[in-house]
Amino acid sequence: MSLEKRVAVTLPLNQSLQDTIDLVQWAESNGYRDGWFSDPGAPDGLAMAAAIAAHTQTLRIGMAIVPVYTRTPTVLAAMADVIGQALPGRFVLGLGSSSQTIMQAFNGIDLEKPLTRVKETAVLVRSILAGDKTSFTDMQTLYSRGYKQDPS
């Protein structure tokens, strides 16, 4: 099995939107295939991905990672849907638990059952993006019933 090699650029969140647009355009013109944001909190990585979408033609934009504790699965699915429309076939949503420092110290959120929370969030987000009406009442860390959005 051969894995495709991709050259990526880290898209830092500690610079202005215009500097990020300039970096994305430079990366694209220099053969980079991917650009990856992290999402520690501010500025918002998902908002930044949406904001740069119109300024790239070929670059795949990814989130590595979006913490599953700071946004609900319905919000994550809604945001992924819009960003996916702005970057058709070129958006990757990475989900994770983050760290105790970011969740507990910065946000006041307990990091309870992180692996379970990530798995359950992924199940819900995939279901919502598929256009399914949520009916998840037996999960350990999440609950969603009756939410539906158009499939992405």
Protein backbone atom coordinates (compact mmCIF):
# COMPACT_ATOMS: atom_id res chain seq x y z
CA MET A 1 0.00 0.00 0.00
CA SER A 2 1.43 3.34 -1.05
CA LEU A 3 0.54 6.49 0.82
CA GLU A 4 0.21 9.74 -1.06
CA LYS A 5 2.73 12.33 0.10
CA ARG A 6 1.35 15.80 0.64
CA VAL A 7 3.30 18.91 1.53
CA ALA A 8 1.47 21.11 4.03
CA VAL A 9 1.92 24.49 5.63
CA THR A 10 0.92 25.35 9.19
CA LEU A 11 -1.46 28.30 9.21
CA PRO A 12 -0.74 30.19 12.43
CA LEU A 13 -3.58 31.96 14.20
CA ASN A 14 -1.35 34.60 15.76
CA GLN A 15 -1.30 36.80 12.67
CA SER A 16 -3.80 39.04 10.92
CA LEU A 17 -6.37 37.75 8.45
CA GLN A 18 -4.54 39.52 5.61
CA ASP A 19 -1.23 37.91 6.59
CA THR A 20 -2.95 34.51 6.61
CA ILE A 21 -4.45 35.17 3.17
CA ASP A 22 -0.99 36.14 1.91
CA LEU A 23 0.50 32.94 3.37
CA VAL A 24 -2.23 30.77 1.81
CA GLN A 25 -1.68 32.35 -1.59
CA TRP A 26 2.10 32.00 -1.27
CA ALA A 27 1.77 28.34 -0.22
CA GLU A 28 -0.55 27.57 -3.11
CA SER A 29 1.73 29.24 -5.66
CA ASN A 30 4.73 27.33 -4.26
CA GLY A 31 3.26 23.86 -4.58
CA TYR A 32 1.86 23.28 -1.11
CA ARG A 33 -1.24 21.11 -1.19
CA ASP A 34 -2.57 21.55 2.34
CA GLY A 35 -2.85 24.26 4.97
CA TRP A 36 -3.67 23.33 8.56
CA PHE A 37 -5.05 25.42 11.42
CA SER A 38 -5.24 24.44 15.05
CA ASP A 39 -8.03 25.84 17.20
CA PRO A 40 -6.81 26.83 20.65
CA GLY A 41 -9.51 29.47 21.01
CA ALA A 42 -8.62 32.87 19.64
CA PRO A 43 -8.78 33.82 16.95
CA ASP A 44 -11.28 31.18 15.95
CA GLY A 45 -9.76 28.63 13.57
CA LEU A 46 -13.05 27.70 11.90
CA ALA A 47 -13.90 31.36 11.28
CA MET A 48 -10.41 31.86 9.83
CA ALA A 49 -10.87 28.85 7.51
CA ALA A 50 -14.15 30.31 6.26
CA ALA A 51 -12.60 33.75 5.80
CA ILE A 52 -9.71 32.53 3.63
CA ALA A 53 -11.80 30.19 1.47
CA ALA A 54 -12.34 32.70 -1.33
CA HIS A 55 -8.60 33.33 -1.53
CA THR A 56 -7.50 29.81 -2.48
CA GLN A 57 -8.23 27.68 -5.53
CA THR A 58 -6.51 24.36 -4.85
CA LEU A 59 -5.26 24.28 -1.26
CA ARG A 60 -6.99 21.81 1.05
CA ILE A 61 -7.68 23.50 4.38
CA GLY A 62 -7.80 21.42 7.54
CA MET A 63 -8.49 21.84 11.22
CA ALA A 64 -6.10 19.96 13.49
CA ILE A 65 -7.97 19.94 15.82
CA VAL A 66 -11.23 21.50 16.91
CA PRO A 67 -11.88 20.74 20.58
CA VAL A 68 -15.16 18.85 21.01
CA TYR A 69 -15.87 20.51 24.35
CA THR A 70 -16.12 24.11 23.14
CA ARG A 71 -18.77 23.56 20.44
CA THR A 72 -21.76 21.26 20.30
CA PRO A 73 -21.98 18.64 17.53
CA THR A 74 -24.83 20.59 15.92
CA VAL A 75 -22.71 23.75 15.79
CA LEU A 76 -19.71 21.81 14.46
CA ALA A 77 -21.85 20.21 11.73
CA ALA A 78 -23.40 23.55 10.75
CA MET A 79 -19.98 25.21 10.54
CA ALA A 80 -18.46 22.29 8.64
CA ASP A 81 -21.35 22.44 6.17
CA VAL A 82 -20.80 26.11 5.36
CA ILE A 83 -17.01 25.85 5.20
CA GLY A 84 -17.36 22.71 3.08
CA GLN A 85 -19.50 24.68 0.62
CA ALA A 86 -16.87 27.43 0.50
CA LEU A 87 -14.08 24.86 0.00
CA PRO A 88 -15.83 22.06 -1.93
CA GLY A 89 -13.89 18.84 -1.48
CA ARG A 90 -11.05 20.74 0.19
CA PHE A 91 -12.03 21.00 3.85
CA VAL A 92 -11.01 18.56 6.58
CA LEU A 93 -12.52 18.79 10.06
CA GLY A 94 -10.29 17.22 12.70
CA LEU A 95 -11.91 16.62 16.08
CA GLY A 96 -10.10 16.06 19.36
CA SER A 97 -10.29 16.59 23.09
CA SER A 98 -7.64 19.34 23.38
CA SER A 99 -5.66 19.66 26.61
CA GLN A 100 -6.38 20.24 30.28
CA THR A 101 -4.77 23.67 30.08
CA ILE A 102 -6.93 24.85 27.20
CA MET A 103 -10.15 23.25 28.42
CA GLN A 104 -9.92 23.57 32.20
CA ALA A 105 -7.67 26.56 32.84
CA PHE A 106 -8.69 28.72 29.87
CA ASN A 107 -12.35 27.70 29.43
CA GLY A 108 -13.42 26.28 32.80
CA ILE A 109 -14.55 23.03 31.17
CA ASP A 110 -13.78 19.68 32.78
CA LEU A 111 -12.12 17.18 30.48
CA GLU A 112 -14.45 14.28 31.34
CA LYS A 113 -14.24 11.04 29.33
CA PRO A 114 -12.26 12.66 26.49
CA LEU A 115 -12.04 9.61 24.20
CA THR A 116 -15.75 8.87 24.60
CA ARG A 117 -16.61 12.53 23.98
CA VAL A 118 -14.55 12.64 20.76
CA LYS A 119 -16.07 9.39 19.47
CA GLU A 120 -19.63 10.46 20.27
CA THR A 121 -19.10 13.90 18.73
CA ALA A 122 -17.75 12.30 15.53
CA VAL A 123 -20.78 9.98 15.33
CA LEU A 124 -23.19 12.88 15.77
CA VAL A 125 -21.40 15.23 13.34
CA ARG A 126 -21.24 12.54 10.63
CA SER A 127 -24.92 11.73 11.11
CA ILE A 128 -25.94 15.39 10.94
CA LEU A 129 -23.80 16.03 7.83
CA ALA A 130 -25.46 13.00 6.20
CA GLY A 131 -28.83 14.72 6.67
CA ASP A 132 -30.09 12.34 9.34
CA LYS A 133 -32.46 13.54 12.05
CA THR A 134 -30.65 13.08 15.35
CA SER A 135 -31.87 10.45 17.75
CA PHE A 136 -29.01 9.95 20.15
CA THR A 137 -30.38 9.50 23.64
CA ASP A 138 -28.20 6.65 24.90
CA MET A 139 -24.73 8.18 24.66
CA GLN A 140 -22.51 8.67 27.71
CA THR A 141 -21.46 12.30 27.22
CA LEU A 142 -23.87 13.79 24.67
CA TYR A 143 -27.57 13.93 23.91
CA SER A 144 -29.33 15.06 20.74
CA ARG A 145 -32.85 14.38 19.55
CA GLY A 146 -34.75 15.93 16.67
CA TYR A 147 -32.06 18.08 15.01
CA LYS A 148 -31.80 17.90 11.23
CA GLN A 149 -30.01 19.88 8.55
CA ASP A 150 -29.74 19.30 4.83
CA PRO A 151 -27.07 16.76 3.86
CA SER A 152 -23.67 18.18 2.99
